[in-house]
Protein backbone atom coordinates (compact mmCIF):
# COMPACT_ATOMS: atom_id res chain seq x y z
CA MET A 1 4.87 2.40 -38.50
CA GLY A 2 4.07 -1.07 -36.49
CA ALA A 3 2.11 -0.70 -33.21
CA GLY A 4 6.22 -1.53 -31.60
CA ARG A 5 6.37 -4.38 -28.43
CA PRO A 6 4.71 -3.60 -25.27
CA ALA A 7 7.69 -2.93 -23.35
CA ASP A 8 8.53 0.02 -25.74
CA PHE A 9 5.54 1.45 -24.09
CA GLY A 10 6.18 1.47 -20.43
CA ALA A 11 6.21 -1.54 -17.72
CA SER A 12 2.98 0.51 -16.28
CA LEU A 13 0.69 -0.28 -19.30
CA ALA A 14 0.68 -3.93 -18.70
CA GLN A 15 -1.01 -3.47 -15.43
CA ALA A 16 -3.40 -0.50 -16.70
CA SER A 17 -7.00 -0.51 -16.66
CA ILE A 18 -8.62 1.33 -19.53
CA LEU A 19 -12.19 2.31 -20.86
CA ILE A 20 -13.25 3.07 -24.54
CA VAL A 21 -16.15 5.03 -24.73
CA ASP A 22 -17.19 5.71 -28.05
CA ASP A 23 -20.15 5.30 -30.69
CA GLU A 24 -18.83 4.03 -33.54
CA PRO A 25 -18.40 0.21 -33.87
CA GLY A 26 -15.12 0.07 -36.03
CA MET A 27 -13.21 2.81 -33.65
CA ARG A 28 -14.21 0.65 -30.41
CA ASN A 29 -13.22 -2.59 -32.16
CA PHE A 30 -9.89 -1.09 -33.62
CA LEU A 31 -8.75 0.34 -30.10
CA LEU A 32 -9.66 -3.16 -28.54
CA LYS A 33 -7.21 -4.92 -30.45
CA ILE A 34 -4.66 -2.61 -30.10
CA LEU A 35 -4.99 -2.33 -26.23
CA GLY A 36 -6.45 -5.48 -25.31
CA PRO A 37 -3.29 -7.66 -25.23
CA ARG A 38 -1.31 -5.11 -23.98
CA CYS A 39 -3.53 -3.94 -21.06
CA LYS A 40 -4.51 -6.07 -17.50
CA GLN A 41 -8.26 -4.65 -18.33
CA VAL A 42 -9.96 -2.91 -21.20
CA GLU A 43 -13.79 -2.37 -21.50
CA ALA A 44 -15.61 -0.25 -24.21
CA ALA A 45 -19.02 1.57 -24.00
CA PRO A 46 -21.26 2.82 -26.96
CA ASP A 47 -22.29 5.63 -25.18
CA CYS A 48 -22.37 8.02 -22.23
CA ALA A 49 -24.54 6.47 -20.17
CA SER A 50 -23.30 2.77 -20.61
CA ALA A 51 -20.01 4.23 -19.59
CA ALA A 52 -21.20 5.99 -16.43
CA ALA A 53 -22.43 2.19 -15.52
CA LEU A 54 -19.07 0.73 -16.11
CA LEU A 55 -17.34 3.39 -13.75
CA ASP A 56 -19.98 2.71 -11.18
CA LYS A 57 -18.81 -1.05 -11.20
CA HIS A 58 -14.89 -0.68 -11.98
CA HIS A 59 -12.13 1.53 -11.70
CA PHE A 60 -9.83 2.88 -14.68
CA ASP A 61 -6.62 4.25 -14.54
CA ILE A 62 -7.65 5.89 -18.37
CA VAL A 63 -10.76 6.65 -20.34
CA ILE A 64 -10.56 7.23 -23.70
CA LEU A 65 -13.26 9.39 -25.31
CA ASP A 66 -14.58 10.43 -28.35
CA ASN A 67 -15.96 13.97 -27.99
CA ILE A 68 -18.44 13.51 -30.82
CA MET A 69 -21.33 11.41 -29.97
CA PRO A 70 -25.00 11.33 -30.53
CA GLY A 71 -27.32 13.01 -27.31
CA LYS A 72 -24.23 14.09 -25.13
CA ASN A 73 -20.96 15.13 -26.37
CA GLY A 74 -18.09 13.79 -24.25
CA LEU A 75 -16.71 16.82 -22.80
CA GLU A 76 -20.10 17.37 -21.42
CA TRP A 77 -20.59 14.10 -19.72
CA LEU A 78 -16.93 14.59 -18.49
CA ARG A 79 -17.77 17.80 -16.69
CA GLU A 80 -20.98 15.79 -14.80
CA GLN A 81 -18.42 12.84 -14.33
CA ARG A 82 -15.64 14.55 -12.89
CA ASN A 83 -18.74 16.05 -10.16
CA ILE A 84 -19.65 12.78 -8.94
CA GLY A 85 -15.99 11.19 -8.49
CA PHE A 86 -13.77 10.43 -11.74
CA PHE A 87 -10.77 9.10 -11.03
CA ALA A 88 -9.31 8.20 -13.96
CA ASP A 89 -6.97 10.50 -16.90
CA ALA A 90 -9.58 11.19 -19.59
CA ILE A 91 -7.61 11.67 -23.61
CA LEU A 92 -9.76 12.88 -25.84
CA ILE A 93 -9.98 11.70 -29.55
CA THR A 94 -11.64 13.56 -32.08
CA ALA A 95 -11.78 14.75 -35.63
CA PHE A 96 -12.22 18.06 -35.10
CA ALA A 97 -9.11 19.68 -33.91
CA ASP A 98 -9.19 23.46 -33.50
CA LEU A 99 -7.99 25.89 -30.57
CA GLU A 100 -11.41 25.97 -29.07
CA THR A 101 -12.02 22.44 -28.46
CA ALA A 102 -8.82 21.94 -27.30
CA ILE A 103 -8.85 24.78 -24.88
CA GLU A 104 -12.29 23.26 -24.04
CA ALA A 105 -10.42 19.79 -23.75
CA LEU A 106 -8.18 20.88 -20.78
CA ARG A 107 -10.72 22.94 -19.09
CA ALA A 108 -13.13 19.75 -19.05
CA GLY A 109 -9.94 18.02 -17.43
CA ALA A 110 -8.54 16.01 -20.05
CA VAL A 111 -5.35 15.00 -20.36
CA ASP A 112 -4.56 14.37 -23.97
CA PHE A 113 -5.80 15.03 -27.08
CA VAL A 114 -5.55 12.88 -29.84
CA LEU A 115 -6.81 13.96 -33.72
CA LYS A 116 -8.66 11.23 -35.54
CA PRO A 117 -7.57 9.28 -37.68
CA PHE A 118 -4.59 8.04 -36.06
CA ARG A 119 -2.02 5.01 -36.29
CA SER A 120 -2.09 2.75 -33.23
CA ASN A 121 1.17 4.02 -32.19
CA GLN A 122 -0.21 7.38 -31.24
CA ILE A 123 -2.85 6.51 -28.89
CA LEU A 124 -0.21 4.13 -27.10
CA ASN A 125 2.41 6.84 -26.94
CA ALA A 126 -0.84 8.61 -25.53
CA VAL A 127 -1.46 6.00 -22.68
CA ALA A 128 1.92 5.39 -21.53
CA ARG A 129 2.28 9.22 -21.16
CA SER A 130 -0.85 9.48 -19.18
CA LEU A 131 0.54 6.34 -17.13
CA ASP A 132 3.60 7.92 -16.62
CA ARG A 133 2.08 11.45 -15.73
CA GLN A 134 0.04 9.35 -13.25
CA HIS A 135 3.08 7.78 -11.63
CA LEU A 136 5.03 10.72 -11.58
CA ARG A 137 1.91 13.14 -9.47
CA ARG A 138 2.01 10.38 -7.24
CA GLU A 139 5.52 10.15 -6.54
CA ASN A 140 5.91 13.86 -6.20
CA PHE A 141 3.25 14.19 -3.85
CA LEU A 142 4.24 11.75 -1.94
CA LEU A 143 7.93 12.65 -2.29
CA LYS A 144 6.94 16.23 -0.50
CA HIS A 145 4.81 15.01 1.97
CA GLU A 146 7.82 13.02 3.42
CA LEU A 147 9.96 15.94 3.08
CA ALA A 148 7.78 17.55 5.19
CA SER A 149 7.73 14.90 7.71
CA GLU A 150 10.16 14.88 11.06
CA GLY A 151 11.17 11.23 9.64
CA ALA A 152 12.60 12.22 6.44
CA GLN A 153 15.88 10.78 7.02
CA MET A 154 14.99 8.58 9.58
CA ARG A 155 16.70 5.02 9.34
CA ALA A 156 14.89 2.16 8.46
CA SER A 157 16.26 -0.73 10.83
CA LEU A 158 16.64 -1.26 14.29
CA VAL A 159 19.65 -0.56 16.41
CA GLY A 160 20.93 -2.80 19.50
CA THR A 161 21.37 -6.36 20.27
CA SER A 162 19.31 -6.24 23.69
CA PRO A 163 17.29 -9.16 23.91
CA ARG A 164 14.15 -7.03 24.06
CA LEU A 165 15.03 -5.54 20.80
CA SER A 166 15.96 -9.18 19.36
CA GLU A 167 12.51 -10.10 20.30
CA ILE A 168 10.78 -7.19 18.56
CA ARG A 169 12.87 -8.01 15.47
CA THR A 170 12.06 -11.53 15.35
CA THR A 171 8.30 -10.59 15.37
CA LEU A 172 8.86 -8.11 12.72
CA GLU A 173 10.51 -10.49 10.74
CA ARG A 174 7.58 -13.00 11.41
CA ALA A 175 4.63 -10.39 10.00
CA ALA A 176 6.59 -8.95 7.15
CA PRO A 177 5.12 -10.68 4.34
CA LEU A 178 1.75 -10.48 5.59
CA PRO A 179 -0.92 -8.27 5.07
CA THR A 180 -1.87 -7.89 9.08
CA SER A 181 -2.07 -4.84 10.60
CA VAL A 182 0.65 -3.64 13.27
CA LEU A 183 0.27 -1.79 16.08
CA PHE A 184 3.11 0.27 18.00
CA THR A 185 2.90 1.28 21.37
CA GLY A 186 5.47 2.83 23.95
CA ASP A 187 6.00 6.08 25.44
CA THR A 188 7.42 9.07 23.31
CA GLY A 189 10.74 8.67 21.80
CA THR A 190 11.10 4.91 22.32
CA GLY A 191 11.27 4.62 18.42
CA LYS A 192 8.00 3.46 16.88
CA GLU A 193 8.25 4.72 13.64
CA VAL A 194 11.81 3.56 12.89
CA ALA A 195 10.44 0.04 14.08
CA ALA A 196 7.54 0.47 11.52
CA ARG A 197 10.08 1.49 9.16
CA ALA A 198 11.84 -1.37 9.67
CA LEU A 199 8.97 -3.80 9.19
CA HIS A 200 8.28 -1.97 5.50
CA ALA A 201 11.57 -2.53 4.56
CA MET A 202 11.44 -6.62 5.63
CA SER A 203 7.94 -6.57 3.85
CA ASP A 204 7.44 -7.50 -0.02
CA ARG A 205 6.39 -3.72 -0.26
CA ALA A 206 9.89 -2.05 0.22
CA ASP A 207 10.14 -0.94 -3.23
CA LYS A 208 7.11 1.25 -2.52
CA PRO A 209 6.54 4.47 -0.57
CA PHE A 210 6.31 4.81 3.12
CA VAL A 211 4.29 7.11 4.09
CA ALA A 212 3.76 8.45 7.42
CA VAL A 213 1.13 10.54 8.88
CA ASN A 214 1.25 12.13 12.21
CA CYS A 215 -2.55 12.41 13.19
CA ALA A 216 -1.95 14.81 15.74
CA THR A 217 -0.17 17.18 13.97
CA ILE A 218 -3.12 18.05 10.88
CA SER A 219 -5.99 20.28 12.18
CA PRO A 220 -9.23 18.03 12.97
CA ASP A 221 -11.17 20.18 10.38
CA ILE A 222 -9.19 19.34 7.58
CA ILE A 223 -7.44 15.54 8.60
CA ALA A 224 -10.71 14.20 6.98
CA ALA A 225 -10.06 15.48 3.36
CA GLU A 226 -6.34 15.01 3.74
CA LEU A 227 -6.64 11.23 4.12
CA PHE A 228 -9.53 10.30 2.17
CA GLY A 229 -9.89 13.32 -0.44
CA ASP A 230 -12.26 15.55 -1.80
CA VAL A 231 -14.21 15.85 -5.11
CA SER A 232 -17.29 18.39 -3.99
CA GLY A 233 -16.92 21.56 -5.66
CA HIS A 234 -13.91 20.95 -7.74
CA ALA A 235 -16.00 20.09 -11.08
CA GLU A 236 -14.92 23.05 -13.08
CA ARG A 237 -11.15 23.35 -11.98
CA PRO A 238 -8.26 22.27 -14.34
CA GLU A 239 -6.99 19.15 -11.87
CA GLY A 240 -10.77 18.81 -10.85
CA ARG A 241 -10.32 16.87 -7.59
CA ARG A 242 -8.24 16.78 -4.26
CA ASP A 243 -6.63 13.30 -4.06
CA GLY A 244 -6.16 12.21 -0.33
CA LEU A 245 -2.96 10.92 1.05
CA LEU A 246 -4.42 7.39 0.98
CA LEU A 247 -5.12 7.28 -2.85
CA HIS A 248 -1.58 8.50 -3.21
CA ALA A 249 -0.23 6.22 -1.45
CA SER A 250 -2.44 2.94 -2.70
CA GLY A 251 0.13 0.00 -3.10
CA ALA A 252 2.56 1.31 -0.49
CA THR A 253 2.33 1.13 3.75
CA ILE A 254 0.46 3.64 5.39
CA PHE A 255 2.02 4.68 9.01
CA LEU A 256 -1.18 6.35 11.24
CA ASP A 257 1.16 7.87 14.04
CA GLU A 258 -0.86 8.74 17.24
CA ILE A 259 -3.69 7.04 15.97
CA ALA A 260 -5.48 8.34 19.55
CA ASP A 261 -5.84 11.85 18.49
CA LEU A 262 -7.92 11.12 15.30
CA PRO A 263 -11.30 12.44 15.50
CA LEU A 264 -14.38 9.98 16.18
CA PRO A 265 -16.08 10.66 12.97
CA VAL A 266 -12.95 9.92 11.10
CA GLN A 267 -11.89 6.72 12.97
CA GLY A 268 -15.40 5.29 11.50
CA MET A 269 -14.63 6.14 7.84
CA LEU A 270 -11.18 4.61 8.53
CA LEU A 271 -12.51 1.41 10.02
CA ARG A 272 -14.73 1.31 6.85
CA VAL A 273 -11.39 1.79 4.74
CA ILE A 274 -9.35 -0.50 6.31
CA GLU A 275 -12.38 -3.48 6.19
CA GLU A 276 -13.42 -2.85 2.55
CA MET A 277 -10.02 -1.29 1.37
CA ARG A 278 -12.11 0.99 -0.82
CA LEU A 279 -12.14 4.43 -0.60
CA ARG A 280 -15.11 7.17 -1.01
CA PRO A 281 -13.89 10.75 -0.78
CA PHE A 282 -16.08 13.62 0.17
CA GLY A 283 -18.47 14.47 -2.71
CA SER A 284 -18.09 11.33 -4.59
CA GLU A 285 -20.69 9.04 -5.67
CA ARG A 286 -17.88 6.44 -6.77
CA GLU A 287 -15.70 4.42 -4.58
CA VAL A 288 -12.06 3.84 -5.42
CA PRO A 289 -10.09 0.32 -4.51
CA LEU A 290 -7.12 0.73 -2.50
CA ASN A 291 -4.14 -1.83 -1.79
CA LEU A 292 -2.38 -0.41 1.48
CA ARG A 293 -0.50 -1.93 4.31
CA PHE A 294 -2.05 -0.48 7.46
CA ILE A 295 0.85 0.35 10.31
CA PHE A 296 -0.68 2.33 13.39
CA ALA A 297 1.35 3.49 16.54
CA THR A 298 0.50 5.56 19.76
CA ASN A 299 1.79 6.48 23.29
CA LYS A 300 -1.34 6.60 24.74
CA ASP A 301 -2.97 3.79 26.24
CA LEU A 302 -6.12 2.93 23.68
CA ALA A 303 -7.96 0.22 25.84
CA GLN A 304 -8.52 3.45 28.59
CA ALA A 305 -9.20 5.63 25.21
CA VAL A 306 -12.49 3.28 24.45
CA GLU A 307 -13.32 2.93 28.33
CA ALA A 308 -13.65 6.88 28.29
CA GLY A 309 -15.35 7.31 24.83
CA ARG A 310 -12.97 9.10 22.94
CA PHE A 311 -11.32 6.03 20.43
CA ARG A 312 -14.02 3.52 19.12
CA ALA A 313 -14.05 -0.24 20.39
CA ASP A 314 -14.55 -1.89 16.92
CA LEU A 315 -11.45 -0.08 15.34
CA TYR A 316 -9.27 -0.81 18.43
CA HIS A 317 -10.12 -4.41 17.75
CA ARG A 318 -9.34 -3.82 14.02
CA ILE A 319 -6.38 -2.25 14.78
CA ASN A 320 -4.87 -4.36 17.54
CA VAL A 321 -4.34 -7.67 15.71
CA LEU A 322 -0.55 -7.65 16.68
CA ASN A 323 0.72 -5.46 19.08
CA VAL A 324 4.27 -4.28 19.36
CA HIS A 325 5.23 -2.77 22.48
CA MET A 326 8.54 -0.98 22.04
CA PRO A 327 10.39 -0.51 25.52
CA PRO A 328 11.58 2.42 26.96
CA LEU A 329 15.40 3.07 26.79
CA ARG A 330 16.39 2.59 30.54
CA GLU A 331 14.71 -1.58 29.97
CA ARG A 332 17.98 -1.64 26.89
CA LEU A 333 20.60 0.02 28.46
CA GLU A 334 23.18 -2.20 26.76
CA ASP A 335 22.19 -0.62 23.32
CA ILE A 336 23.36 2.60 24.64
CA PRO A 337 26.91 2.01 23.34
CA GLU A 338 25.57 1.08 19.75
CA LEU A 339 23.04 3.68 19.63
CA ALA A 340 25.52 6.82 20.77
CA ALA A 341 27.89 5.84 18.47
CA LEU A 342 25.39 5.67 15.55
CA PHE A 343 24.48 8.96 16.10
CA MET A 344 27.76 10.33 16.80
CA SER A 345 28.59 9.19 13.43
CA GLN A 346 25.84 10.48 11.78
CA LEU A 347 25.26 13.69 13.10
CA ALA A 348 28.88 14.67 13.11
CA GLN A 349 28.89 14.06 9.07
CA GLN A 350 25.38 16.29 9.01
CA LEU A 351 26.89 19.34 11.08
CA GLY A 352 30.53 18.80 9.66
CA MET A 353 32.14 19.16 12.91
CA PRO A 354 34.52 16.36 14.79
CA PRO A 355 33.09 13.33 16.93
CA LEU A 356 33.41 13.46 20.37
CA ALA A 357 35.15 10.40 21.77
CA LEU A 358 32.35 8.07 23.69
CA GLY A 359 35.26 6.82 26.18
CA GLU A 360 33.92 3.91 28.80
CA ASP A 361 33.34 6.46 31.29
CA VAL A 362 31.32 8.63 29.19
CA LEU A 363 29.23 5.79 28.42
CA LEU A 364 28.78 4.43 32.24
CA ASN A 365 27.59 7.79 33.13
CA LEU A 366 24.98 7.71 29.81
CA ALA A 367 23.82 4.14 31.28
CA ALA A 368 23.46 5.82 34.71
CA TYR A 369 20.88 8.26 33.59
CA ASP A 370 17.08 7.49 33.08
CA TRP A 371 16.32 9.00 29.76
CA PRO A 372 12.85 10.02 30.16
CA GLY A 373 12.95 10.67 26.58
CA ASN A 374 13.92 7.84 25.49
CA VAL A 375 16.10 7.22 22.30
CA ARG A 376 15.37 10.30 20.97
CA GLU A 377 16.52 12.32 23.90
CA LEU A 378 20.00 10.38 23.54
CA ARG A 379 20.18 11.80 19.95
CA ASN A 380 19.26 14.97 21.06
CA LEU A 381 21.94 14.86 23.77
CA ILE A 382 24.63 13.73 21.07
CA GLU A 383 24.03 16.62 18.94
CA ARG A 384 23.89 19.17 21.58
CA SER A 385 27.26 17.91 22.56
CA LEU A 386 28.78 18.26 19.29
CA ILE A 387 27.35 22.04 18.68
CA LEU A 388 29.03 22.94 22.10
CA GLY A 389 32.26 20.66 21.49
CA GLU A 390 31.55 18.74 24.78
CA PHE A 391 29.37 16.64 27.15
CA PRO A 392 27.52 18.45 30.01
CA PRO A 393 29.37 17.74 33.15
CA GLU A 394 27.08 14.89 34.08
CA PHE A 395 28.01 12.99 31.25
CA ALA A 396 31.63 14.18 30.48
CA GLY A 397 34.49 11.68 31.33
CA GLY A 398 35.92 11.96 34.90
CA ALA A 399 32.53 13.00 36.16
CA GLY A 400 33.84 11.02 39.38
CA ASP A 401 31.48 9.93 42.22
CA TYR A 402 27.82 10.01 40.88
CA CYS A 403 26.51 7.13 42.77
CA PRO A 404 25.00 9.22 46.19
CA GLU A 405 22.01 10.78 43.72
CA ASN A 406 20.70 7.56 42.95
CA PRO A 407 22.66 4.07 44.14
CA ASP A 408 20.84 1.63 42.15
CA THR A 409 21.96 2.40 38.76
CA LEU A 410 23.51 0.14 36.77
CA ALA A 411 26.92 2.02 36.70
CA CYS A 412 26.40 2.47 40.43
CA ILE A 413 26.06 -1.02 41.13
CA GLU A 414 29.04 -1.93 38.94
CA ARG A 415 31.31 0.33 41.19
CA ARG A 416 30.35 -0.98 44.31
CA HIS A 417 30.74 -4.55 43.09
CA ILE A 418 33.74 -4.05 41.79
CA LEU A 419 35.25 -2.17 44.64
CA ARG A 420 33.99 -4.83 47.06
CA ILE A 421 35.65 -7.59 45.11
CA LEU A 422 39.14 -5.81 45.07
CA ASP A 423 38.44 -5.84 48.92
CA ALA A 424 38.04 -8.91 49.33
CA CYS A 425 41.24 -9.30 47.30
CA GLY A 426 43.14 -7.13 49.61
CA GLY A 427 43.41 -4.57 46.94
CA ASN A 428 45.18 -7.13 44.36
CA ARG A 429 43.78 -6.06 40.98
CA ALA A 430 45.41 -8.82 39.00
CA GLU A 431 43.55 -11.45 41.09
CA ALA A 432 40.08 -8.99 41.30
CA ALA A 433 40.10 -9.00 37.52
CA ARG A 434 40.25 -13.11 37.57
CA ARG A 435 37.26 -13.35 39.83
CA LEU A 436 35.42 -10.80 37.80
CA GLY A 437 36.46 -11.93 34.87
CA ILE A 438 37.84 -8.51 33.15
CA SER A 439 40.92 -7.67 31.85
CA ARG A 440 43.57 -6.00 34.73
CA LYS A 441 43.21 -2.95 32.17
CA THR A 442 39.92 -2.22 32.90
CA ILE A 443 40.40 -2.30 36.71
CA ASP A 444 43.28 0.26 36.50
CA ARG A 445 41.19 2.37 34.09
CA LYS A 446 37.88 2.20 36.45
CA CYS A 447 39.43 2.99 39.51
CA ALA A 448 41.42 5.76 37.98
CA MET A 449 37.90 6.73 36.96
CA TRP A 450 36.69 6.65 40.47
CA ASP A 451 39.59 8.08 42.39
CA VAL A 452 40.53 4.99 44.38
């Protein structure tokens, strides 16, 4: 049987880096001849010491390991390496296949077992299976993380046409193709994660995962291990190590929300990762290269946190290259109709309930509110109103004169202006509509709503 075309063994084979460890020159040359033309990088070592030296210098996806070698067998060496940082999948090749060896190989952490002598397609299939498993492990891990997060169903596009939002959209379009870190600031509920997802969707990593991590929701005692991983004390476990989110997310975009809540010791570790794009998990003597786009967000004043000693100045200056401030909803009232319509459509479908009418009087009342909880509060209001079957009285249509409580709201200013023009026109609604540049029907509807 022939070796087959490279495409027969999966696209990931062409990007794989492989280390061959075998004391027989003939076997090393055979594997180099098979894998060399098909893989991105292939190195060979004649013994365990040479292999360990190569692992210290380079990262490999797969290690093809002979079990019977002079001095130390492959499985003994594999156990040692896993205790100091072994970030590859091991495929054991051996001429002696028995149940005891197979069990020992699994306990040592080998993911596959190939019996000598073998044909080229057998080892290629074993490598392809291992790469597929790596991809599935990472995909499943990130999918579980995404489903467990609040943003699992969050949109990846900014909604609204206000000048402030248009400026932000233009900034994101300029930053999207660059590797530059971006810091989103603004009050809670202003849409910082939505903007971060929009930036990711515009970038060349759009087909890769977007990994959101809320630094405020992870215990300070475990957040370092969650992010960076831990290999200490796991040499005898089948899985061998605890990979952190950063390693699983390599190639993707990582979004660190509430970055101000990251403990100071972890801030120093993160700074090193950002600057060097290399990761050293706890207990590891080796580093792993990373390929990440970092995006950060906070609702706190980081400059003030630096002055108070709660946030590292060097990390602040490293992540504050491009600061995008998300405005509160009260500063982009013209976006409320589009946002309300979107939430009404989405939530009505999710809840299986008929949507409520968003009439002009309802929208005016929404615009008259201050929205301390911003876009998130608007969404919650729509959801609560759908469940109850009606808007609260202060937002419902026909709410009447709501201006005395807050005469400076947009709705009240509009009301005073229209009534002033009407008075100047002697009550002639057609003439008032002409001066205001609106239709006569609009004047009639507003007068009926205001009971004038």
